[in-house]
Amino acid sequence: IENHVFPDPQVLKAISDHRVVLLKADLTQKDAAGWPLLKKL
């Protein structure tokens, strides 16, 4: 996804047009802060 979807020029334009804020959660640790939200979603 990081290498093929997000770098696409159409996606970059849509992200800009929609004023999207991108956040990426690092889940490499079992106690990472993003796990509760991932489990909720």
PDB file of all heavy atoms in Angstrom:
ATOM      1  N   ILE A   1       0.841  -1.199   0.000  1.00  0.00           N
ATOM      2  CA  ILE A   1       0.000   0.000   0.000  1.00  0.00           C
ATOM      3  C   ILE A   1       0.881   1.256   0.000  1.00  0.00           C
ATOM      4  O   ILE A   1       0.656   2.189  -0.766  1.00  0.00           O
ATOM      5  CB  ILE A   1      -0.939   0.016   1.218  1.00  0.00           C
ATOM      6  CG1 ILE A   1      -1.835  -1.226   1.233  1.00  0.00           C
ATOM      7  CG2 ILE A   1      -1.765   1.294   1.279  1.00  0.00           C
ATOM      8  CD1 ILE A   1      -2.768  -1.372   0.083  1.00  0.00           C
ATOM      9  N   GLU A   2       1.891   1.259   0.867  1.00  0.00           N
ATOM     10  CA  GLU A   2       2.794   2.413   0.953  1.00  0.00           C
ATOM     11  C   GLU A   2       3.546   2.652  -0.351  1.00  0.00           C
ATOM     12  O   GLU A   2       3.782   3.803  -0.724  1.00  0.00           O
ATOM     13  CB  GLU A   2       3.813   2.199   2.061  1.00  0.00           C
ATOM     14  CG  GLU A   2       3.243   2.293   3.440  1.00  0.00           C
ATOM     15  CD  GLU A   2       4.305   2.050   4.494  1.00  0.00           C
ATOM     16  OE1 GLU A   2       5.444   2.522   4.315  1.00  0.00           O
ATOM     17  OE2 GLU A   2       3.984   1.394   5.480  1.00  0.00           O
ATOM     18  N   ASN A   3       3.922   1.584  -1.018  1.00  0.00           N
ATOM     19  CA  ASN A   3       4.750   1.717  -2.221  1.00  0.00           C
ATOM     20  C   ASN A   3       3.966   1.869  -3.516  1.00  0.00           C
ATOM     21  O   ASN A   3       4.513   2.391  -4.495  1.00  0.00           O
ATOM     22  CB  ASN A   3       5.680   0.508  -2.342  1.00  0.00           C
ATOM     23  CG  ASN A   3       6.718   0.480  -1.250  1.00  0.00           C
ATOM     24  OD1 ASN A   3       7.144   1.513  -0.755  1.00  0.00           O
ATOM     25  ND2 ASN A   3       7.116  -0.712  -0.851  1.00  0.00           N
ATOM     26  N   HIS A   4       2.707   1.416  -3.548  1.00  0.00           N
ATOM     27  CA  HIS A   4       1.978   1.415  -4.813  1.00  0.00           C
ATOM     28  C   HIS A   4       0.694   2.241  -4.824  1.00  0.00           C
ATOM     29  O   HIS A   4       0.291   2.706  -5.884  1.00  0.00           O
ATOM     30  CB  HIS A   4       1.639  -0.017  -5.234  1.00  0.00           C
ATOM     31  CG  HIS A   4       2.848  -0.875  -5.456  1.00  0.00           C
ATOM     32  ND1 HIS A   4       3.877  -0.513  -6.292  1.00  0.00           N
ATOM     33  CD2 HIS A   4       3.206  -2.069  -4.940  1.00  0.00           C
ATOM     34  CE1 HIS A   4       4.803  -1.439  -6.297  1.00  0.00           C
ATOM     35  NE2 HIS A   4       4.433  -2.398  -5.464  1.00  0.00           N
ATOM     36  N   VAL A   5       0.046   2.397  -3.677  1.00  0.00           N
ATOM     37  CA  VAL A   5      -1.230   3.124  -3.660  1.00  0.00           C
ATOM     38  C   VAL A   5      -1.012   4.590  -3.286  1.00  0.00           C
ATOM     39  O   VAL A   5      -1.395   5.483  -4.030  1.00  0.00           O
ATOM     40  CB  VAL A   5      -2.235   2.444  -2.702  1.00  0.00           C
ATOM     41  CG1 VAL A   5      -3.511   3.268  -2.588  1.00  0.00           C
ATOM     42  CG2 VAL A   5      -2.560   1.030  -3.191  1.00  0.00           C
ATOM     43  N   PHE A   6      -0.390   4.842  -2.141  1.00  0.00           N
ATOM     44  CA  PHE A   6      -0.243   6.228  -1.670  1.00  0.00           C
ATOM     45  C   PHE A   6       0.614   7.109  -2.572  1.00  0.00           C
ATOM     46  O   PHE A   6       0.328   8.298  -2.703  1.00  0.00           O
ATOM     47  CB  PHE A   6       0.252   6.260  -0.226  1.00  0.00           C
ATOM     48  CG  PHE A   6      -0.864   6.013   0.762  1.00  0.00           C
ATOM     49  CD1 PHE A   6      -1.079   4.758   1.285  1.00  0.00           C
ATOM     50  CD2 PHE A   6      -1.700   7.041   1.141  1.00  0.00           C
ATOM     51  CE1 PHE A   6      -2.111   4.525   2.176  1.00  0.00           C
ATOM     52  CE2 PHE A   6      -2.740   6.828   2.030  1.00  0.00           C
ATOM     53  CZ  PHE A   6      -2.944   5.563   2.555  1.00  0.00           C
ATOM     54  N   PRO A   7       1.654   6.607  -3.231  1.00  0.00           N
ATOM     55  CA  PRO A   7       2.448   7.484  -4.110  1.00  0.00           C
ATOM     56  C   PRO A   7       1.789   7.813  -5.454  1.00  0.00           C
ATOM     57  O   PRO A   7       2.291   8.657  -6.183  1.00  0.00           O
ATOM     58  CB  PRO A   7       3.731   6.692  -4.368  1.00  0.00           C
ATOM     59  CG  PRO A   7       3.748   5.579  -3.397  1.00  0.00           C
ATOM     60  CD  PRO A   7       2.336   5.331  -3.008  1.00  0.00           C
ATOM     61  N   ASP A   8       0.673   7.172  -5.773  1.00  0.00           N
ATOM     62  CA  ASP A   8       0.008   7.416  -7.048  1.00  0.00           C
ATOM     63  C   ASP A   8      -0.360   8.898  -7.157  1.00  0.00           C
ATOM     64  O   ASP A   8      -0.919   9.469  -6.207  1.00  0.00           O
ATOM     65  CB  ASP A   8      -1.251   6.545  -7.145  1.00  0.00           C
ATOM     66  CG  ASP A   8      -1.934   6.687  -8.475  1.00  0.00           C
ATOM     67  OD1 ASP A   8      -2.606   7.719  -8.705  1.00  0.00           O
ATOM     68  OD2 ASP A   8      -1.817   5.766  -9.304  1.00  0.00           O
ATOM     69  N   PRO A   9      -0.071   9.540  -8.290  1.00  0.00           N
ATOM     70  CA  PRO A   9      -0.381  10.971  -8.449  1.00  0.00           C
ATOM     71  C   PRO A   9      -1.852  11.308  -8.201  1.00  0.00           C
ATOM     72  O   PRO A   9      -2.153  12.371  -7.635  1.00  0.00           O
ATOM     73  CB  PRO A   9       0.020  11.271  -9.894  1.00  0.00           C
ATOM     74  CG  PRO A   9       1.057  10.247 -10.226  1.00  0.00           C
ATOM     75  CD  PRO A   9       0.653   9.012  -9.455  1.00  0.00           C
ATOM     76  N   GLN A  10      -2.769  10.430  -8.590  1.00  0.00           N
ATOM     77  CA  GLN A  10      -4.197  10.686  -8.350  1.00  0.00           C
ATOM     78  C   GLN A  10      -4.496  10.693  -6.851  1.00  0.00           C
ATOM     79  O   GLN A  10      -5.292  11.509  -6.369  1.00  0.00           O
ATOM     80  CB  GLN A  10      -5.051   9.622  -9.026  1.00  0.00           C
ATOM     81  CG  GLN A  10      -5.025   9.650 -10.529  1.00  0.00           C
ATOM     82  CD  GLN A  10      -5.858   8.516 -11.081  1.00  0.00           C
ATOM     83  OE1 GLN A  10      -7.010   8.343 -10.717  1.00  0.00           O
ATOM     84  NE2 GLN A  10      -5.261   7.714 -11.941  1.00  0.00           N
ATOM     85  N   VAL A  11      -3.882   9.783  -6.125  1.00  0.00           N
ATOM     86  CA  VAL A  11      -4.088   9.713  -4.684  1.00  0.00           C
ATOM     87  C   VAL A  11      -3.481  10.944  -4.019  1.00  0.00           C
ATOM     88  O   VAL A  11      -4.117  11.566  -3.154  1.00  0.00           O
ATOM     89  CB  VAL A  11      -3.489   8.415  -4.095  1.00  0.00           C
ATOM     90  CG1 VAL A  11      -3.474   8.456  -2.574  1.00  0.00           C
ATOM     91  CG2 VAL A  11      -4.264   7.203  -4.593  1.00  0.00           C
ATOM     92  N   LEU A  12      -2.284  11.328  -4.410  1.00  0.00           N
ATOM     93  CA  LEU A  12      -1.654  12.510  -3.832  1.00  0.00           C
ATOM     94  C   LEU A  12      -2.502  13.760  -4.067  1.00  0.00           C
ATOM     95  O   LEU A  12      -2.655  14.594  -3.168  1.00  0.00           O
ATOM     96  CB  LEU A  12      -0.248  12.699  -4.414  1.00  0.00           C
ATOM     97  CG  LEU A  12       0.763  11.618  -4.047  1.00  0.00           C
ATOM     98  CD1 LEU A  12       2.062  11.828  -4.815  1.00  0.00           C
ATOM     99  CD2 LEU A  12       1.000  11.575  -2.554  1.00  0.00           C
ATOM    100  N   LYS A  13      -3.093  13.870  -5.250  1.00  0.00           N
ATOM    101  CA  LYS A  13      -3.968  15.014  -5.537  1.00  0.00           C
ATOM    102  C   LYS A  13      -5.222  14.969  -4.673  1.00  0.00           C
ATOM    103  O   LYS A  13      -5.634  15.979  -4.103  1.00  0.00           O
ATOM    104  CB  LYS A  13      -4.342  15.042  -7.017  1.00  0.00           C
ATOM    105  CG  LYS A  13      -5.212  16.237  -7.383  1.00  0.00           C
ATOM    106  CD  LYS A  13      -5.480  16.303  -8.852  1.00  0.00           C
ATOM    107  CE  LYS A  13      -6.320  17.458  -9.310  1.00  0.00           C
ATOM    108  NZ  LYS A  13      -7.183  18.126  -8.397  1.00  0.00           N
ATOM    109  N   ALA A  14      -5.836  13.790  -4.556  1.00  0.00           N
ATOM    110  CA  ALA A  14      -7.045  13.659  -3.735  1.00  0.00           C
ATOM    111  C   ALA A  14      -6.752  13.958  -2.271  1.00  0.00           C
ATOM    112  O   ALA A  14      -7.557  14.608  -1.588  1.00  0.00           O
ATOM    113  CB  ALA A  14      -7.631  12.252  -3.888  1.00  0.00           C
ATOM    114  N   ILE A  15      -5.604  13.500  -1.773  1.00  0.00           N
ATOM    115  CA  ILE A  15      -5.215  13.789  -0.394  1.00  0.00           C
ATOM    116  C   ILE A  15      -5.090  15.295  -0.192  1.00  0.00           C
ATOM    117  O   ILE A  15      -5.579  15.843   0.797  1.00  0.00           O
ATOM    118  CB  ILE A  15      -3.907  13.047  -0.045  1.00  0.00           C
ATOM    119  CG1 ILE A  15      -4.192  11.550   0.122  1.00  0.00           C
ATOM    120  CG2 ILE A  15      -3.252  13.631   1.197  1.00  0.00           C
ATOM    121  CD1 ILE A  15      -2.955  10.690   0.237  1.00  0.00           C
ATOM    122  N   SER A  16      -4.490  15.973  -1.153  1.00  0.00           N
ATOM    123  CA  SER A  16      -4.361  17.424  -1.070  1.00  0.00           C
ATOM    124  C   SER A  16      -5.716  18.109  -1.198  1.00  0.00           C
ATOM    125  O   SER A  16      -6.056  18.991  -0.396  1.00  0.00           O
ATOM    126  CB  SER A  16      -3.415  17.916  -2.168  1.00  0.00           C
ATOM    127  OG  SER A  16      -3.346  19.320  -2.173  1.00  0.00           O
ATOM    128  N   ASP A  17      -6.503  17.703  -2.185  1.00  0.00           N
ATOM    129  CA  ASP A  17      -7.807  18.325  -2.433  1.00  0.00           C
ATOM    130  C   ASP A  17      -8.745  18.187  -1.234  1.00  0.00           C
ATOM    131  O   ASP A  17      -9.516  19.095  -0.926  1.00  0.00           O
ATOM    132  CB  ASP A  17      -8.478  17.717  -3.666  1.00  0.00           C
ATOM    133  CG  ASP A  17      -7.797  18.098  -4.966  1.00  0.00           C
ATOM    134  OD1 ASP A  17      -6.915  18.988  -4.959  1.00  0.00           O
ATOM    135  OD2 ASP A  17      -8.133  17.472  -6.002  1.00  0.00           O
ATOM    136  N   HIS A  18      -8.697  17.021  -0.577  1.00  0.00           N
ATOM    137  CA  HIS A  18      -9.588  16.754   0.559  1.00  0.00           C
ATOM    138  C   HIS A  18      -8.975  17.185   1.894  1.00  0.00           C
ATOM    139  O   HIS A  18      -9.581  16.986   2.940  1.00  0.00           O
ATOM    140  CB  HIS A  18      -9.950  15.268   0.615  1.00  0.00           C
ATOM    141  CG  HIS A  18     -10.836  14.819  -0.503  1.00  0.00           C
ATOM    142  ND1 HIS A  18     -12.178  15.109  -0.566  1.00  0.00           N
ATOM    143  CD2 HIS A  18     -10.574  14.091  -1.612  1.00  0.00           C
ATOM    144  CE1 HIS A  18     -12.700  14.585  -1.652  1.00  0.00           C
ATOM    145  NE2 HIS A  18     -11.740  13.964  -2.311  1.00  0.00           N
ATOM    146  N   ARG A  19      -7.766  17.757   1.823  1.00  0.00           N
ATOM    147  CA  ARG A  19      -7.054  18.216   3.022  1.00  0.00           C
ATOM    148  C   ARG A  19      -6.943  17.102   4.063  1.00  0.00           C
ATOM    149  O   ARG A  19      -7.238  17.286   5.233  1.00  0.00           O
ATOM    150  CB  ARG A  19      -7.709  19.461   3.595  1.00  0.00           C
ATOM    151  CG  ARG A  19      -7.709  20.586   2.586  1.00  0.00           C
ATOM    152  CD  ARG A  19      -8.267  21.874   3.052  1.00  0.00           C
ATOM    153  NE  ARG A  19      -9.072  21.784   4.263  1.00  0.00           N
ATOM    154  CZ  ARG A  19      -9.854  22.736   4.690  1.00  0.00           C
ATOM    155  NH1 ARG A  19      -9.969  23.841   4.024  1.00  0.00           N
ATOM    156  NH2 ARG A  19     -10.543  22.595   5.803  1.00  0.00           N
ATOM    157  N   VAL A  20      -6.490  15.957   3.604  1.00  0.00           N
ATOM    158  CA  VAL A  20      -6.356  14.778   4.451  1.00  0.00           C
ATOM    159  C   VAL A  20      -5.108  14.889   5.318  1.00  0.00           C
ATOM    160  O   VAL A  20      -4.056  15.326   4.856  1.00  0.00           O
ATOM    161  CB  VAL A  20      -6.271  13.502   3.572  1.00  0.00           C
ATOM    162  CG1 VAL A  20      -5.945  12.274   4.399  1.00  0.00           C
ATOM    163  CG2 VAL A  20      -7.567  13.302   2.798  1.00  0.00           C
ATOM    164  N   VAL A  21      -5.254  14.490   6.556  1.00  0.00           N
ATOM    165  CA  VAL A  21      -4.121  14.368   7.473  1.00  0.00           C
ATOM    166  C   VAL A  21      -3.808  12.884   7.574  1.00  0.00           C
ATOM    167  O   VAL A  21      -4.665  12.086   7.945  1.00  0.00           O
ATOM    168  CB  VAL A  21      -4.463  14.942   8.864  1.00  0.00           C
ATOM    169  CG1 VAL A  21      -3.308  14.709   9.834  1.00  0.00           C
ATOM    170  CG2 VAL A  21      -4.810  16.412   8.762  1.00  0.00           C
ATOM    171  N   LEU A  22      -2.597  12.505   7.204  1.00  0.00           N
ATOM    172  CA  LEU A  22      -2.190  11.103   7.240  1.00  0.00           C
ATOM    173  C   LEU A  22      -1.506  10.795   8.566  1.00  0.00           C
ATOM    174  O   LEU A  22      -0.624  11.532   9.005  1.00  0.00           O
ATOM    175  CB  LEU A  22      -1.220  10.799   6.100  1.00  0.00           C
ATOM    176  CG  LEU A  22      -1.758  11.007   4.685  1.00  0.00           C
ATOM    177  CD1 LEU A  22      -0.631  10.840   3.676  1.00  0.00           C
ATOM    178  CD2 LEU A  22      -2.874  10.031   4.405  1.00  0.00           C
ATOM    179  N   LEU A  23      -1.909   9.701   9.183  1.00  0.00           N
ATOM    180  CA  LEU A  23      -1.277   9.212  10.407  1.00  0.00           C
ATOM    181  C   LEU A  23      -0.950   7.751  10.208  1.00  0.00           C
ATOM    182  O   LEU A  23      -1.756   6.998   9.657  1.00  0.00           O
ATOM    183  CB  LEU A  23      -2.214   9.361  11.605  1.00  0.00           C
ATOM    184  CG  LEU A  23      -2.672  10.771  11.948  1.00  0.00           C
ATOM    185  CD1 LEU A  23      -3.740  10.725  13.026  1.00  0.00           C
ATOM    186  CD2 LEU A  23      -1.508  11.608  12.415  1.00  0.00           C
ATOM    187  N   LYS A  24       0.208   7.359  10.668  1.00  0.00           N
ATOM    188  CA  LYS A  24       0.619   5.961  10.559  1.00  0.00           C
ATOM    189  C   LYS A  24       0.976   5.465  11.948  1.00  0.00           C
ATOM    190  O   LYS A  24       1.783   6.086  12.648  1.00  0.00           O
ATOM    191  CB  LYS A  24       1.823   5.838   9.621  1.00  0.00           C
ATOM    192  CG  LYS A  24       2.315   4.428   9.446  1.00  0.00           C
ATOM    193  CD  LYS A  24       3.509   4.408   8.510  1.00  0.00           C
ATOM    194  CE  LYS A  24       4.078   3.019   8.407  1.00  0.00           C
ATOM    195  NZ  LYS A  24       5.271   2.990   7.564  1.00  0.00           N
ATOM    196  N   ALA A  25       0.386   4.359  12.347  1.00  0.00           N
ATOM    197  CA  ALA A  25       0.675   3.780  13.657  1.00  0.00           C
ATOM    198  C   ALA A  25       1.749   2.709  13.519  1.00  0.00           C
ATOM    199  O   ALA A  25       1.666   1.844  12.654  1.00  0.00           O
ATOM    200  CB  ALA A  25      -0.595   3.169  14.244  1.00  0.00           C
ATOM    201  N   ASP A  26       2.731   2.787  14.374  1.00  0.00           N
ATOM    202  CA  ASP A  26       3.782   1.781  14.439  1.00  0.00           C
ATOM    203  C   ASP A  26       3.328   0.703  15.420  1.00  0.00           C
ATOM    204  O   ASP A  26       3.203   0.946  16.616  1.00  0.00           O
ATOM    205  CB  ASP A  26       5.081   2.425  14.912  1.00  0.00           C
ATOM    206  CG  ASP A  26       6.229   1.430  15.038  1.00  0.00           C
ATOM    207  OD1 ASP A  26       6.009   0.222  14.805  1.00  0.00           O
ATOM    208  OD2 ASP A  26       7.340   1.864  15.364  1.00  0.00           O
ATOM    209  N   LEU A  27       3.060  -0.476  14.902  1.00  0.00           N
ATOM    210  CA  LEU A  27       2.562  -1.574  15.728  1.00  0.00           C
ATOM    211  C   LEU A  27       3.585  -2.688  15.875  1.00  0.00           C
ATOM    212  O   LEU A  27       3.226  -3.843  16.097  1.00  0.00           O
ATOM    213  CB  LEU A  27       1.262  -2.128  15.122  1.00  0.00           C
ATOM    214  CG  LEU A  27       0.132  -1.115  14.986  1.00  0.00           C
ATOM    215  CD1 LEU A  27      -1.035  -1.703  14.204  1.00  0.00           C
ATOM    216  CD2 LEU A  27      -0.327  -0.641  16.346  1.00  0.00           C
ATOM    217  N   THR A  28       4.847  -2.339  15.788  1.00  0.00           N
ATOM    218  CA  THR A  28       5.882  -3.360  15.864  1.00  0.00           C
ATOM    219  C   THR A  28       6.030  -3.927  17.275  1.00  0.00           C
ATOM    220  O   THR A  28       6.509  -5.042  17.434  1.00  0.00           O
ATOM    221  CB  THR A  28       7.244  -2.838  15.374  1.00  0.00           C
ATOM    222  OG1 THR A  28       7.570  -1.646  16.086  1.00  0.00           O
ATOM    223  CG2 THR A  28       7.204  -2.541  13.881  1.00  0.00           C
ATOM    224  N   GLN A  29       5.622  -3.179  18.291  1.00  0.00           N
ATOM    225  CA  GLN A  29       5.682  -3.659  19.673  1.00  0.00           C
ATOM    226  C   GLN A  29       4.301  -4.123  20.122  1.00  0.00           C
ATOM    227  O   GLN A  29       3.290  -3.526  19.749  1.00  0.00           O
ATOM    228  CB  GLN A  29       6.180  -2.542  20.607  1.00  0.00           C
ATOM    229  CG  GLN A  29       7.535  -1.979  20.249  1.00  0.00           C
ATOM    230  CD  GLN A  29       8.640  -3.008  20.388  1.00  0.00           C
ATOM    231  OE1 GLN A  29       8.652  -3.795  21.325  1.00  0.00           O
ATOM    232  NE2 GLN A  29       9.562  -3.014  19.434  1.00  0.00           N
ATOM    233  N   LYS A  30       4.246  -5.166  20.928  1.00  0.00           N
ATOM    234  CA  LYS A  30       2.961  -5.699  21.396  1.00  0.00           C
ATOM    235  C   LYS A  30       2.193  -4.713  22.268  1.00  0.00           C
ATOM    236  O   LYS A  30       0.980  -4.807  22.370  1.00  0.00           O
ATOM    237  CB  LYS A  30       3.182  -6.999  22.156  1.00  0.00           C
ATOM    238  CG  LYS A  30       3.608  -8.122  21.254  1.00  0.00           C
ATOM    239  CD  LYS A  30       3.734  -9.423  22.002  1.00  0.00           C
ATOM    240  CE  LYS A  30       4.179 -10.498  21.010  1.00  0.00           C
ATOM    241  NZ  LYS A  30       4.184 -11.816  21.583  1.00  0.00           N
ATOM    242  N   ASP A  31       2.901  -3.773  22.897  1.00  0.00           N
ATOM    243  CA  ASP A  31       2.240  -2.789  23.748  1.00  0.00           C
ATOM    244  C   ASP A  31       2.162  -1.402  23.101  1.00  0.00           C
ATOM    245  O   ASP A  31       1.987  -0.398  23.778  1.00  0.00           O
ATOM    246  CB  ASP A  31       2.932  -2.706  25.104  1.00  0.00           C
ATOM    247  CG  ASP A  31       4.380  -2.238  25.007  1.00  0.00           C
ATOM    248  OD1 ASP A  31       4.939  -2.215  23.878  1.00  0.00           O
ATOM    249  OD2 ASP A  31       4.961  -1.902  26.051  1.00  0.00           O
ATOM    250  N   ALA A  32       2.277  -1.353  21.775  1.00  0.00           N
ATOM    251  CA  ALA A  32       2.234  -0.077  21.053  1.00  0.00           C
ATOM    252  C   ALA A  32       0.894   0.618  21.282  1.00  0.00           C
ATOM    253  O   ALA A  32      -0.155  -0.019  21.401  1.00  0.00           O
ATOM    254  CB  ALA A  32       2.460  -0.299  19.562  1.00  0.00           C
ATOM    255  N   ALA A  33       0.935   1.935  21.333  1.00  0.00           N
ATOM    256  CA  ALA A  33      -0.259   2.744  21.628  1.00  0.00           C
ATOM    257  C   ALA A  33      -1.374   2.581  20.601  1.00  0.00           C
ATOM    258  O   ALA A  33      -2.539   2.807  20.913  1.00  0.00           O
ATOM    259  CB  ALA A  33       0.141   4.214  21.734  1.00  0.00           C
ATOM    260  N   GLY A  34      -1.049   2.172  19.378  1.00  0.00           N
ATOM    261  CA  GLY A  34      -2.066   2.049  18.331  1.00  0.00           C
ATOM    262  C   GLY A  34      -2.905   0.794  18.395  1.00  0.00           C
ATOM    263  O   GLY A  34      -3.950   0.695  17.746  1.00  0.00           O
ATOM    264  N   TRP A  35      -2.489  -0.222  19.160  1.00  0.00           N
ATOM    265  CA  TRP A  35      -3.227  -1.492  19.200  1.00  0.00           C
ATOM    266  C   TRP A  35      -4.676  -1.359  19.665  1.00  0.00           C
ATOM    267  O   TRP A  35      -5.567  -1.959  19.044  1.00  0.00           O
ATOM    268  CB  TRP A  35      -2.490  -2.530  20.040  1.00  0.00           C
ATOM    269  CG  TRP A  35      -1.382  -3.195  19.293  1.00  0.00           C
ATOM    270  CD1 TRP A  35      -0.040  -3.054  19.520  1.00  0.00           C
ATOM    271  CD2 TRP A  35      -1.497  -4.089  18.191  1.00  0.00           C
ATOM    272  NE1 TRP A  35       0.680  -3.800  18.618  1.00  0.00           N
ATOM    273  CE2 TRP A  35      -0.197  -4.449  17.792  1.00  0.00           C
ATOM    274  CE3 TRP A  35      -2.571  -4.607  17.477  1.00  0.00           C
ATOM    275  CZ2 TRP A  35       0.058  -5.306  16.733  1.00  0.00           C
ATOM    276  CZ3 TRP A  35      -2.318  -5.469  16.414  1.00  0.00           C
ATOM    277  CH2 TRP A  35      -1.027  -5.812  16.054  1.00  0.00           C
ATOM    278  N   PRO A  36      -4.994  -0.603  20.718  1.00  0.00           N
ATOM    279  CA  PRO A  36      -6.399  -0.504  21.130  1.00  0.00           C
ATOM    280  C   PRO A  36      -7.314   0.035  20.026  1.00  0.00           C
ATOM    281  O   PRO A  36      -8.419  -0.473  19.824  1.00  0.00           O
ATOM    282  CB  PRO A  36      -6.349   0.430  22.346  1.00  0.00           C
ATOM    283  CG  PRO A  36      -4.985   0.230  22.904  1.00  0.00           C
ATOM    284  CD  PRO A  36      -4.103   0.038  21.688  1.00  0.00           C
ATOM    285  N   LEU A  37      -6.862   1.053  19.300  1.00  0.00           N
ATOM    286  CA  LEU A  37      -7.697   1.591  18.222  1.00  0.00           C
ATOM    287  C   LEU A  37      -7.831   0.578  17.093  1.00  0.00           C
ATOM    288  O   LEU A  37      -8.919   0.398  16.535  1.00  0.00           O
ATOM    289  CB  LEU A  37      -7.137   2.913  17.692  1.00  0.00           C
ATOM    290  CG  LEU A  37      -7.930   3.553  16.546  1.00  0.00           C
ATOM    291  CD1 LEU A  37      -9.390   3.802  16.941  1.00  0.00           C
ATOM    292  CD2 LEU A  37      -7.263   4.842  16.103  1.00  0.00           C
ATOM    293  N   LEU A  38      -6.750  -0.107  16.744  1.00  0.00           N
ATOM    294  CA  LEU A  38      -6.830  -1.125  15.699  1.00  0.00           C
ATOM    295  C   LEU A  38      -7.834  -2.199  16.090  1.00  0.00           C
ATOM    296  O   LEU A  38      -8.679  -2.594  15.285  1.00  0.00           O
ATOM    297  CB  LEU A  38      -5.466  -1.754  15.428  1.00  0.00           C
ATOM    298  CG  LEU A  38      -5.465  -2.907  14.418  1.00  0.00           C
ATOM    299  CD1 LEU A  38      -5.905  -2.424  13.036  1.00  0.00           C
ATOM    300  CD2 LEU A  38      -4.111  -3.564  14.348  1.00  0.00           C
ATOM    301  N   LYS A  39      -7.787  -2.663  17.325  1.00  0.00           N
ATOM    302  CA  LYS A  39      -8.722  -3.698  17.792  1.00  0.00           C
ATOM    303  C   LYS A  39     -10.159  -3.178  17.788  1.00  0.00           C
ATOM    304  O   LYS A  39     -11.091  -3.924  17.500  1.00  0.00           O
ATOM    305  CB  LYS A  39      -8.346  -4.171  19.190  1.00  0.00           C
ATOM    306  CG  LYS A  39      -7.044  -4.907  19.246  1.00  0.00           C
ATOM    307  CD  LYS A  39      -7.179  -6.291  18.707  1.00  0.00           C
ATOM    308  CE  LYS A  39      -5.899  -7.067  18.972  1.00  0.00           C
ATOM    309  NZ  LYS A  39      -5.995  -8.422  18.580  1.00  0.00           N
ATOM    310  N   LYS A  40     -10.333  -1.887  18.091  1.00  0.00           N
ATOM    311  CA  LYS A  40     -11.676  -1.298  18.058  1.00  0.00           C
ATOM    312  C   LYS A  40     -12.209  -1.264  16.624  1.00  0.00           C
ATOM    313  O   LYS A  40     -13.364  -1.592  16.367  1.00  0.00           O
ATOM    314  CB  LYS A  40     -11.653   0.115  18.642  1.00  0.00           C
ATOM    315  CG  LYS A  40     -12.991   0.812  18.604  1.00  0.00           C
ATOM    316  CD  LYS A  40     -12.878   2.220  19.147  1.00  0.00           C
ATOM    317  CE  LYS A  40     -14.202   2.940  18.937  1.00  0.00           C
ATOM    318  NZ  LYS A  40     -14.109   4.356  19.210  1.00  0.00           N
ATOM    319  N   LEU A  41     -11.355  -0.857  15.686  1.00  0.00           N
ATOM    320  CA  LEU A  41     -11.776  -0.751  14.289  1.00  0.00           C
ATOM    321  C   LEU A  41     -11.894  -2.117  13.622  1.00  0.00           C
ATOM    322  O   LEU A  41     -12.781  -2.342  12.806  1.00  0.00           O
ATOM    323  CB  LEU A  41     -10.784   0.113  13.504  1.00  0.00           C
ATOM    324  CG  LEU A  41     -10.734   1.582  13.875  1.00  0.00           C
ATOM    325  CD1 LEU A  41      -9.593   2.272  13.150  1.00  0.00           C
ATOM    326  CD2 LEU A  41     -12.054   2.262  13.582  1.00  0.00           C
TER     327      LEU A  41
END
